[in-house]
């Protein structure tokens, strides 16, 4: 499995080696899913002051479906030494290693990239890719001096970490104090790295007297300390939201059930996370009417009230990003191969950029998947830089097509009779999480279910009907409930 992944990744790997001011392409056997450059420095007055930096740039998607990734760089000969950091990870698609150089000729380095992802059955998969990198040891003054100073900062950070682990080790403190004189780089404050004062005093009491018991009885530290903050044991992501008065939808549903009125949720609502909106079309005409209204009314109104008054061509941009030819969906609707279409996302900032997910209900045939593949192949001929990759997430295969600038960003997953296409890797994973019951579904939300009791989805497509689709519960509603007050904060639309 690992060999297949490596061969698949090899198609889009590009490595760049920059030494002595020259940029040299890497050889074809490179199997790392990111590009890299190497820059070197030699001081004009001191030939022994030589350093290098290895810069790694990762495509925006390369790590999105990996649970963890680790980067390590080690020297294979004596021409390179003191490489920092010892281990790192990609941060905002970027990572760097710094080291010193000596001797003549070339320095050999080995870069390791260890990733932990998923197999199709959901089990853990570990892949360790390695690549040997040659660095020409400079023989004359060259390169920016910031390479050397950055290396010194990383070394200071390394010694500071060691000093925190071993606060009694004066050698690490000595190395940090020498940083300003030897490298011209100010070390971190040693006061921050020194042992806790209270701990030192406690040790002295134990060593020289029985005053520790006296100190505890007098509570000297407590008297001079400020108000205790308490233990910070709750992560900010787990802090509960404030409780705001809302309608008791469970009681309202029970009242309707006693009257014989039951919820009639949309089938697609079981795929949608409960905190997203849902817009469903039961026919191509309904979807086409929305597109016409969007292009003829909404976009002109947007330009009228905006400062720049530009035409953003939003509909065509999202079509291109999702790799969907909207016009060619019409014959699929007429043939019954697509039975309905739904749109979902987390917000309505369509001009600024938003996550948009298209959900297609099919007849179970491969016609829609074949049509999507045909669109992709046509685009590949026009844009060779388009990446086509596969990922496994929670046992489902995600087909990812994208470009580095994200003008194309399409993630497709098929589940039973549903085909889901999203422009966001987070959005597609939220859909899968909902399918796997890891996130609460919109179809189970009590306020949404109550809304479908009041305005149930129509069963026929003889006319255009407006119904409700909900994103968030009306947490700010406190007025007595009525048919419209209950759904005032809901975003709900079903168009036939």
Protein backbone atom coordinates (compact mmCIF):
# COMPACT_ATOMS: atom_id res chain seq x y z
CA UNK A 1 0.00 0.00 0.00
CA UNK A 2 2.85 2.36 0.85
CA UNK A 3 4.54 1.78 -2.56
CA UNK A 4 1.32 2.64 -4.36
CA UNK A 5 0.92 5.85 -2.40
CA UNK A 6 4.53 6.79 -3.08
CA UNK A 7 4.19 6.21 -6.81
CA UNK A 8 0.98 8.23 -6.87
CA UNK A 9 2.59 11.11 -5.04
CA UNK A 10 5.63 11.01 -7.30
CA UNK A 11 3.60 12.48 -10.14
CA UNK A 12 3.19 15.85 -8.46
CA UNK A 13 6.45 16.11 -6.53
CA UNK A 14 8.75 19.00 -7.40
CA UNK A 15 11.95 19.65 -5.53
CA UNK A 16 14.17 22.65 -5.98
CA UNK A 17 17.76 22.83 -4.84
CA UNK A 18 19.19 26.31 -4.52
CA UNK A 19 22.84 26.60 -3.66
CA UNK A 20 25.40 29.27 -4.43
CA UNK A 21 22.69 31.48 -5.83
CA UNK A 22 21.63 28.85 -8.42
CA UNK A 23 18.31 26.99 -8.60
CA UNK A 24 18.69 23.36 -9.69
CA UNK A 25 15.71 20.98 -10.21
CA UNK A 26 15.74 17.83 -8.09
CA UNK A 27 16.06 14.42 -9.69
CA UNK A 28 13.03 12.43 -10.75
CA UNK A 29 13.34 9.79 -8.03
CA UNK A 30 12.23 12.29 -5.40
CA UNK A 31 9.28 10.81 -3.49
CA UNK A 32 8.48 13.63 -1.06
CA UNK A 33 5.06 15.28 -1.47
CA UNK A 34 6.41 18.82 -1.14
CA UNK A 35 9.02 21.11 -2.66
CA UNK A 36 12.21 22.22 -0.94
CA UNK A 37 15.06 24.67 -1.41
CA UNK A 38 18.50 24.86 0.16
CA UNK A 39 20.36 28.13 0.72
CA UNK A 40 23.89 28.49 2.07
CA UNK A 41 25.88 31.25 3.76
CA UNK A 42 29.58 31.96 4.28
CA UNK A 43 30.90 34.98 6.16
CA UNK A 44 33.13 37.31 4.16
CA UNK A 45 35.67 37.67 7.00
CA UNK A 46 35.60 34.22 8.55
CA UNK A 47 35.67 31.12 6.35
CA UNK A 48 34.65 28.92 9.28
CA UNK A 49 31.29 30.67 9.65
CA UNK A 50 29.19 28.68 7.19
CA UNK A 51 25.57 27.62 7.53
CA UNK A 52 22.62 26.37 5.50
CA UNK A 53 18.84 26.44 5.64
CA UNK A 54 16.52 23.80 4.19
CA UNK A 55 13.10 25.30 3.44
CA UNK A 56 10.12 23.00 2.88
CA UNK A 57 6.92 24.17 1.20
CA UNK A 58 3.90 21.88 1.24
CA UNK A 59 0.87 22.03 -1.10
CA UNK A 60 -2.20 23.22 0.77
CA UNK A 61 -3.79 19.77 0.68
CA UNK A 62 -0.88 17.43 1.24
CA UNK A 63 -1.37 17.09 5.01
CA UNK A 64 -5.11 17.70 5.30
CA UNK A 65 -6.05 14.02 5.58
CA UNK A 66 -3.02 12.99 7.64
CA UNK A 67 -3.48 12.66 11.37
CA UNK A 68 0.17 13.52 12.08
CA UNK A 69 3.32 14.31 10.17
CA UNK A 70 6.89 14.55 11.42
CA UNK A 71 10.01 15.89 9.73
CA UNK A 72 13.56 14.97 10.70
CA UNK A 73 16.90 15.91 9.16
CA UNK A 74 20.21 14.23 10.00
CA UNK A 75 23.78 14.51 8.71
CA UNK A 76 25.26 11.57 6.80
CA UNK A 77 28.86 12.86 6.95
CA UNK A 78 31.05 15.26 8.92
CA UNK A 79 30.54 18.21 6.57
CA UNK A 80 27.26 19.18 8.27
CA UNK A 81 26.59 19.38 12.00
CA UNK A 82 24.50 21.10 14.70
CA UNK A 83 21.21 20.76 12.79
CA UNK A 84 18.14 22.33 14.41
CA UNK A 85 15.36 21.65 15.15
CA UNK A 86 15.76 17.97 15.92
CA UNK A 87 12.19 17.28 14.84
CA UNK A 88 9.49 19.56 13.44
CA UNK A 89 6.15 19.60 11.68
CA UNK A 90 4.60 21.67 8.93
CA UNK A 91 3.13 24.91 10.23
CA UNK A 92 1.02 26.84 7.73
CA UNK A 93 2.47 24.71 4.91
CA UNK A 94 6.03 25.67 5.85
CA UNK A 95 8.94 24.12 7.75
CA UNK A 96 12.68 24.91 8.07
CA UNK A 97 15.88 23.23 9.21
CA UNK A 98 19.13 25.10 9.98
CA UNK A 99 22.64 23.70 10.31
CA UNK A 100 26.37 24.43 10.12
CA UNK A 101 28.78 23.46 7.34
CA UNK A 102 32.50 22.68 7.29
CA UNK A 103 35.11 21.02 5.12
CA UNK A 104 35.11 20.92 1.32
CA UNK A 105 32.95 19.41 -1.39
CA UNK A 106 29.42 18.37 -0.53
CA UNK A 107 27.49 17.70 2.65
CA UNK A 108 25.09 14.76 2.58
CA UNK A 109 21.79 15.05 4.48
CA UNK A 110 18.88 12.66 4.91
CA UNK A 111 15.39 14.11 5.18
CA UNK A 112 12.69 11.86 6.67
CA UNK A 113 8.97 12.55 6.36
CA UNK A 114 6.80 10.30 8.52
CA UNK A 115 3.04 10.46 8.10
CA UNK A 116 0.23 8.73 9.93
CA UNK A 117 -3.03 8.40 8.00
CA UNK A 118 -5.77 5.81 7.43
CA UNK A 119 -6.18 2.61 5.46
CA UNK A 120 -9.50 2.00 3.68
CA UNK A 121 -10.62 -0.16 6.63
CA UNK A 122 -9.96 2.69 9.08
CA UNK A 123 -6.78 1.20 10.55
CA UNK A 124 -3.66 3.29 11.06
CA UNK A 125 -1.15 3.56 8.22
CA UNK A 126 2.40 4.83 8.81
CA UNK A 127 4.53 5.85 5.84
CA UNK A 128 8.14 6.99 6.26
CA UNK A 129 9.52 8.65 3.13
CA UNK A 130 13.21 9.49 2.96
CA UNK A 131 15.30 11.54 0.59
CA UNK A 132 19.02 12.24 0.48
CA UNK A 133 19.96 15.84 -0.19
CA UNK A 134 23.34 17.15 -1.31
CA UNK A 135 24.49 20.59 -0.21
CA UNK A 136 27.52 22.23 -1.84
CA UNK A 137 29.79 23.55 0.89
CA UNK A 138 30.52 27.19 -0.08
CA UNK A 139 34.10 28.24 -0.76
CA UNK A 140 33.55 31.99 -0.93
CA UNK A 141 31.43 34.64 0.76
CA UNK A 142 27.78 34.36 -0.23
CA UNK A 143 24.20 34.21 1.02
CA UNK A 144 22.25 36.34 3.52
CA UNK A 145 23.62 36.58 7.04
CA UNK A 146 20.13 35.95 8.41
CA UNK A 147 20.71 32.23 7.77
CA UNK A 148 23.49 32.23 10.35
CA UNK A 149 21.58 34.33 12.89
CA UNK A 150 18.46 32.18 12.47
CA UNK A 151 20.56 29.06 13.08
CA UNK A 152 21.88 30.66 16.31
CA UNK A 153 18.31 31.41 17.42
CA UNK A 154 17.28 27.81 16.87
CA UNK A 155 20.32 26.64 18.82
CA UNK A 156 19.42 28.99 21.68
CA UNK A 157 15.89 27.61 21.67
CA UNK A 158 17.31 24.08 21.84
CA UNK A 159 19.53 24.88 24.83
CA UNK A 160 16.70 26.77 26.53
CA UNK A 161 14.51 23.66 26.26
CA UNK A 162 17.29 21.55 27.75
CA UNK A 163 17.73 24.05 30.58
CA UNK A 164 14.05 23.79 31.44
CA UNK A 165 14.39 20.01 31.65
CA UNK A 166 17.61 20.29 33.70
CA UNK A 167 17.47 23.65 35.52
CA UNK A 168 20.53 22.82 37.60
CA UNK A 169 22.80 22.33 34.57
CA UNK A 170 25.00 25.45 34.44
CA UNK A 171 26.62 24.39 31.14
CA UNK A 172 23.42 25.13 29.19
CA UNK A 173 23.19 28.50 30.92
CA UNK A 174 26.81 29.23 29.93
CA UNK A 175 26.08 28.40 26.28
CA UNK A 176 23.12 30.77 26.25
CA UNK A 177 25.15 33.56 27.86
CA UNK A 178 27.81 33.17 25.16
CA UNK A 179 25.28 33.57 22.33
CA UNK A 180 25.41 37.37 22.21
CA UNK A 181 29.22 37.44 22.09
CA UNK A 182 29.76 34.56 19.67
CA UNK A 183 26.81 34.91 17.28
CA UNK A 184 25.42 38.39 17.91
CA UNK A 185 22.05 36.92 18.89
CA UNK A 186 20.41 37.82 22.19
CA UNK A 187 19.44 34.64 24.12
CA UNK A 188 16.06 34.23 25.82
CA UNK A 189 15.72 35.62 29.33
CA UNK A 190 17.37 33.29 31.81
CA UNK A 191 15.00 34.44 34.56
CA UNK A 192 12.22 32.64 32.75
CA UNK A 193 14.31 29.49 32.61
CA UNK A 194 15.50 29.45 36.23
CA UNK A 195 13.89 27.23 38.88
CA UNK A 196 10.85 28.48 40.71
CA UNK A 197 11.84 30.76 43.62
CA UNK A 198 9.37 29.15 45.98
CA UNK A 199 10.77 25.72 45.17
CA UNK A 200 14.32 26.95 45.91
CA UNK A 201 13.28 28.40 49.25
CA UNK A 202 11.49 25.20 50.14
CA UNK A 203 14.64 23.21 49.42
CA UNK A 204 16.74 25.50 51.63
CA UNK A 205 14.31 25.09 54.54
CA UNK A 206 14.54 21.32 54.22
CA UNK A 207 18.34 21.42 54.05
CA UNK A 208 19.27 23.73 56.92
CA UNK A 209 16.42 23.74 59.40
CA UNK A 210 12.96 22.58 60.33
CA UNK A 211 11.61 25.93 59.24
CA UNK A 212 9.57 24.36 56.46
CA UNK A 213 6.90 23.34 58.98
CA UNK A 214 6.99 26.86 60.44
CA UNK A 215 6.70 28.42 57.00
CA UNK A 216 3.73 26.21 56.18
CA UNK A 217 2.01 27.09 59.44
CA UNK A 218 2.48 30.82 58.93
CA UNK A 219 1.43 30.64 55.28
CA UNK A 220 3.98 33.27 54.37
CA UNK A 221 3.71 32.62 50.65
CA UNK A 222 -0.07 32.70 50.74
CA UNK A 223 -0.12 36.05 52.52
CA UNK A 224 2.12 37.78 49.98
CA UNK A 225 0.65 36.11 46.90
CA UNK A 226 -2.22 37.45 44.84
CA UNK A 227 -5.62 35.90 44.43
CA UNK A 228 -5.34 32.26 43.27
CA UNK A 229 -6.35 31.69 39.67
CA UNK A 230 -7.29 28.07 40.12
CA UNK A 231 -6.29 25.14 37.98
CA UNK A 232 -6.62 25.76 34.24
CA UNK A 233 -7.94 22.31 33.38
CA UNK A 234 -10.59 23.08 30.73
CA UNK A 235 -9.54 23.65 27.13
CA UNK A 236 -11.10 26.71 25.50
CA UNK A 237 -12.79 24.49 22.90
CA UNK A 238 -14.66 22.74 25.72
CA UNK A 239 -15.96 25.88 27.42
CA UNK A 240 -19.77 25.60 27.22
CA UNK A 241 -21.81 28.22 25.43
CA UNK A 242 -23.97 30.54 27.49
CA UNK A 243 -27.49 29.25 27.98
CA UNK A 244 -30.02 31.43 26.19
CA UNK A 245 -33.73 31.00 26.53
CA UNK A 246 -35.28 29.17 23.60
CA UNK A 247 -38.49 27.39 22.76
CA UNK A 248 -38.98 23.91 24.13
CA UNK A 249 -39.21 22.11 20.81
CA UNK A 250 -39.49 18.70 22.42
CA UNK A 251 -42.74 19.68 24.12
CA UNK A 252 -43.97 21.30 20.89
CA UNK A 253 -43.21 18.08 18.99
CA UNK A 254 -45.05 16.04 21.61
CA UNK A 255 -48.09 18.29 21.29
CA UNK A 256 -48.11 17.90 17.52
CA UNK A 257 -47.65 14.14 17.81
CA UNK A 258 -50.71 13.88 20.07
CA UNK A 259 -52.63 15.77 17.37
CA UNK A 260 -51.44 13.28 14.75
CA UNK A 261 -48.97 15.64 13.07
CA UNK A 262 -45.52 14.08 12.70
CA UNK A 263 -42.23 15.51 11.39
CA UNK A 264 -41.45 14.98 7.70
CA UNK A 265 -37.72 15.73 7.43
CA UNK A 266 -35.90 15.83 4.11
CA UNK A 267 -33.97 12.64 3.37
CA UNK A 268 -30.81 14.63 2.73
CA UNK A 269 -31.02 16.14 6.23
CA UNK A 270 -29.42 13.00 7.64
CA UNK A 271 -26.21 13.90 5.78
CA UNK A 272 -26.06 17.54 6.86
CA UNK A 273 -24.49 18.70 10.16
CA UNK A 274 -27.06 20.37 12.39
CA UNK A 275 -25.27 23.77 12.37
CA UNK A 276 -25.34 24.18 8.56
CA UNK A 277 -27.99 25.56 6.23
CA UNK A 278 -29.77 23.40 3.66
CA UNK A 279 -31.17 24.43 0.29
CA UNK A 280 -32.85 21.61 -1.66
CA UNK A 281 -34.11 21.43 -5.27
CA UNK A 282 -36.41 18.65 -6.41
CA UNK A 283 -36.09 19.55 -10.10
CA UNK A 284 -33.63 21.14 -12.48
CA UNK A 285 -36.07 23.98 -13.16
CA UNK A 286 -36.06 25.00 -9.50
CA UNK A 287 -32.28 25.07 -9.41
CA UNK A 288 -32.10 26.91 -12.73
CA UNK A 289 -34.58 29.52 -11.52
CA UNK A 290 -32.37 30.21 -8.52
CA UNK A 291 -29.34 30.55 -10.78
CA UNK A 292 -31.20 32.98 -13.05
CA UNK A 293 -32.37 35.04 -10.08
CA UNK A 294 -28.87 35.03 -8.64
CA UNK A 295 -27.26 36.25 -11.86
CA UNK A 296 -29.96 38.76 -12.86
CA UNK A 297 -30.93 40.16 -9.47
CA UNK A 298 -28.67 39.29 -6.56
CA UNK A 299 -25.30 40.01 -8.20
CA UNK A 300 -26.43 43.39 -9.64
CA UNK A 301 -27.87 44.36 -6.24
CA UNK A 302 -24.59 43.33 -4.61
CA UNK A 303 -22.64 45.57 -6.99
CA UNK A 304 -25.08 48.40 -6.39
CA UNK A 305 -24.49 48.43 -2.62
CA UNK A 306 -20.77 47.58 -2.65
CA UNK A 307 -17.96 50.10 -2.89
CA UNK A 308 -16.11 48.63 -5.86
CA UNK A 309 -19.18 47.61 -7.91
CA UNK A 310 -17.27 44.75 -9.53
CA UNK A 311 -18.90 41.74 -11.13
CA UNK A 312 -17.47 38.79 -9.22
CA UNK A 313 -19.03 36.15 -11.53
CA UNK A 314 -19.73 34.15 -8.40
CA UNK A 315 -21.83 31.40 -9.94
CA UNK A 316 -19.28 30.58 -12.63
CA UNK A 317 -16.42 30.75 -10.10
CA UNK A 318 -18.05 28.22 -7.81
CA UNK A 319 -18.87 26.00 -10.79
CA UNK A 320 -15.19 26.05 -11.80
CA UNK A 321 -14.00 25.48 -8.25
CA UNK A 322 -16.30 22.50 -7.67
CA UNK A 323 -15.75 21.06 -11.18
CA UNK A 324 -19.48 21.01 -11.89
CA UNK A 325 -20.99 21.90 -15.26
CA UNK A 326 -24.39 23.02 -14.06
CA UNK A 327 -25.97 23.15 -17.51
CA UNK A 328 -25.11 19.49 -18.17
CA UNK A 329 -27.04 18.42 -15.08
CA UNK A 330 -30.34 19.00 -16.91
CA UNK A 331 -30.29 15.76 -18.97
CA UNK A 332 -29.34 13.82 -15.81
CA UNK A 333 -32.43 15.26 -14.08
CA UNK A 334 -34.65 14.46 -17.10
CA UNK A 335 -33.41 10.87 -17.24
CA UNK A 336 -34.01 10.41 -13.54
CA UNK A 337 -30.31 9.78 -12.88
CA UNK A 338 -30.32 12.81 -10.56
CA UNK A 339 -33.47 12.99 -8.44
CA UNK A 340 -32.73 16.10 -6.39
CA UNK A 341 -29.95 18.53 -5.63
CA UNK A 342 -29.10 20.20 -2.32
CA UNK A 343 -26.69 22.94 -1.31
CA UNK A 344 -25.22 23.31 2.17
CA UNK A 345 -22.51 25.25 3.96
CA UNK A 346 -21.66 27.03 7.16
CA UNK A 347 -22.26 30.67 6.12
CA UNK A 348 -23.47 32.90 3.29
CA UNK A 349 -20.29 34.91 2.61
CA UNK A 350 -20.33 33.83 -1.02
CA UNK A 351 -18.49 36.89 -2.36
CA UNK A 352 -15.71 36.78 0.22
CA UNK A 353 -15.36 33.00 -0.09
CA UNK A 354 -17.27 30.28 1.71
CA UNK A 355 -17.44 26.52 2.01
CA UNK A 356 -20.06 25.20 -0.40
CA UNK A 357 -21.17 21.58 -0.65
CA UNK A 358 -23.40 20.11 -3.35
CA UNK A 359 -25.32 16.91 -2.56
CA UNK A 360 -26.81 14.91 -5.45
CA UNK A 361 -29.41 12.18 -4.92
CA UNK A 362 -28.92 9.66 -7.75
CA UNK A 363 -30.73 6.57 -8.99
CA UNK A 364 -27.83 4.39 -7.89
CA UNK A 365 -26.25 4.11 -11.34
CA UNK A 366 -22.74 5.26 -12.30
CA UNK A 367 -24.01 7.88 -14.75
CA UNK A 368 -23.33 10.87 -12.51
CA UNK A 369 -19.88 9.64 -11.43
CA UNK A 370 -19.01 8.98 -15.09
CA UNK A 371 -20.10 12.50 -16.05
CA UNK A 372 -17.98 14.02 -13.26
CA UNK A 373 -14.96 12.02 -14.41
CA UNK A 374 -15.52 13.27 -17.96
CA UNK A 375 -15.54 16.89 -16.75
CA UNK A 376 -12.30 16.30 -14.85
CA UNK A 377 -10.56 14.71 -17.84
CA UNK A 378 -11.55 17.64 -20.06
CA UNK A 379 -10.13 20.07 -17.53
CA UNK A 380 -6.89 18.10 -17.12
CA UNK A 381 -6.17 18.62 -20.80
CA UNK A 382 -6.47 22.39 -20.28
CA UNK A 383 -4.71 22.57 -16.89
CA UNK A 384 -1.91 19.99 -16.53
CA UNK A 385 -1.12 21.31 -13.03
CA UNK A 386 -4.45 19.95 -11.72
CA UNK A 387 -3.78 17.40 -8.98
CA UNK A 388 -5.96 14.27 -8.77
CA UNK A 389 -5.52 12.30 -5.55
CA UNK A 390 -7.38 9.84 -3.36
CA UNK A 391 -7.67 9.80 0.44
CA UNK A 392 -9.38 7.51 2.92
CA UNK A 393 -11.33 9.04 5.77
CA UNK A 394 -13.38 6.94 8.18
CA UNK A 395 -13.44 4.11 5.66
CA UNK A 396 -14.76 6.22 2.75
CA UNK A 397 -12.70 7.17 -0.30
CA UNK A 398 -12.43 10.88 -1.05
CA UNK A 399 -11.47 11.92 -4.57
CA UNK A 400 -9.58 15.23 -4.32
CA UNK A 401 -8.90 17.48 -7.30
CA UNK A 402 -7.23 20.81 -6.72
CA UNK A 403 -4.70 23.37 -7.86
CA UNK A 404 -2.19 25.13 -5.63
CA UNK A 405 -4.06 28.47 -5.87
CA UNK A 406 -7.37 26.76 -4.91
CA UNK A 407 -9.16 28.14 -7.95
CA UNK A 408 -10.06 24.47 -8.33
CA UNK A 409 -10.86 22.72 -5.06
CA UNK A 410 -13.18 19.76 -5.44
CA UNK A 411 -13.63 16.89 -2.97
CA UNK A 412 -16.00 14.10 -3.98
CA UNK A 413 -17.30 11.20 -1.91
CA UNK A 414 -19.98 8.66 -2.82
CA UNK A 415 -22.18 6.97 -0.23
CA UNK A 416 -24.96 4.66 -1.35
CA UNK A 417 -27.17 6.76 -3.68
CA UNK A 418 -25.62 10.08 -2.64
CA UNK A 419 -22.76 11.93 -4.32
CA UNK A 420 -21.30 14.79 -2.27
CA UNK A 421 -19.08 17.46 -3.86
CA UNK A 422 -17.48 20.14 -1.67
CA UNK A 423 -14.92 22.89 -2.18
CA UNK A 424 -13.65 22.45 1.40
CA UNK A 425 -11.72 19.52 2.85
CA UNK A 426 -13.24 20.44 6.23
CA UNK A 427 -16.74 20.50 4.75
CA UNK A 428 -16.43 17.05 3.18
CA UNK A 429 -15.09 15.60 6.41
CA UNK A 430 -18.00 17.10 8.36
CA UNK A 431 -20.43 15.38 5.98
CA UNK A 432 -18.65 12.05 6.51
CA UNK A 433 -18.56 12.62 10.28
CA UNK A 434 -22.32 13.15 10.17
CA UNK A 435 -22.81 9.95 8.16
CA UNK A 436 -20.72 8.08 10.73
CA UNK A 437 -22.77 9.62 13.60
CA UNK A 438 -19.74 11.51 14.89
CA UNK A 439 -21.61 14.81 14.48
CA UNK A 440 -25.32 15.47 15.15
CA UNK A 441 -27.35 15.57 11.95
CA UNK A 442 -29.77 18.27 10.90
CA UNK A 443 -32.47 15.62 10.50
CA UNK A 444 -32.34 14.88 14.23
CA UNK A 445 -32.47 18.51 15.39
CA UNK A 446 -35.72 19.14 17.26
CA UNK A 447 -36.26 22.70 15.97
CA UNK A 448 -35.78 21.54 12.37
CA UNK A 449 -38.14 18.60 12.87
CA UNK A 450 -40.75 20.93 14.33
CA UNK A 451 -40.37 23.20 11.32
CA UNK A 452 -41.12 20.24 9.01
CA UNK A 453 -44.32 19.64 10.95
CA UNK A 454 -45.46 23.20 10.28
CA UNK A 455 -44.30 23.30 6.67
CA UNK A 456 -43.66 19.73 5.48
CA UNK A 457 -41.65 19.20 2.28
CA UNK A 458 -43.96 18.89 -0.76
CA UNK A 459 -44.38 15.45 -2.28
CA UNK A 460 -44.96 16.57 -5.88
CA UNK A 461 -43.15 18.86 -8.28
CA UNK A 462 -46.13 20.37 -10.11
CA UNK A 463 -45.35 23.90 -9.00
CA UNK A 464 -42.75 25.97 -7.26
CA UNK A 465 -43.13 25.72 -3.50
CA UNK A 466 -41.19 27.47 -0.79
CA UNK A 467 -40.69 25.56 2.44
CA UNK A 468 -38.22 25.68 5.31
CA UNK A 469 -34.69 24.64 5.75
CA UNK A 470 -32.92 25.44 8.98
CA UNK A 471 -29.36 26.11 10.08
CA UNK A 472 -29.38 27.04 13.77
CA UNK A 473 -32.04 26.97 16.42
CA UNK A 474 -33.74 30.21 17.36
CA UNK A 475 -31.75 30.61 20.55
CA UNK A 476 -32.68 34.27 20.88
CA UNK A 477 -36.43 33.79 20.49
CA UNK A 478 -38.37 34.32 23.70
CA UNK A 479 -41.77 35.46 22.41
CA UNK A 480 -44.81 33.13 22.51
CA UNK A 481 -44.62 30.60 19.72
CA UNK A 482 -46.64 30.86 16.56
CA UNK A 483 -46.27 29.31 13.11
CA UNK A 484 -43.85 31.96 11.88
CA UNK A 485 -42.22 32.98 15.14
CA UNK A 486 -40.98 29.46 15.69
CA UNK A 487 -39.08 29.44 12.41
CA UNK A 488 -38.11 33.11 12.23
CA UNK A 489 -34.44 32.34 12.73
CA UNK A 490 -34.48 29.30 10.45
CA UNK A 491 -33.08 29.32 6.94
CA UNK A 492 -35.29 26.91 5.06
CA UNK A 493 -35.98 26.54 1.39
CA UNK A 494 -37.16 23.67 -0.75
CA UNK A 495 -37.71 24.52 -4.40
CA UNK A 496 -39.34 22.20 -6.89
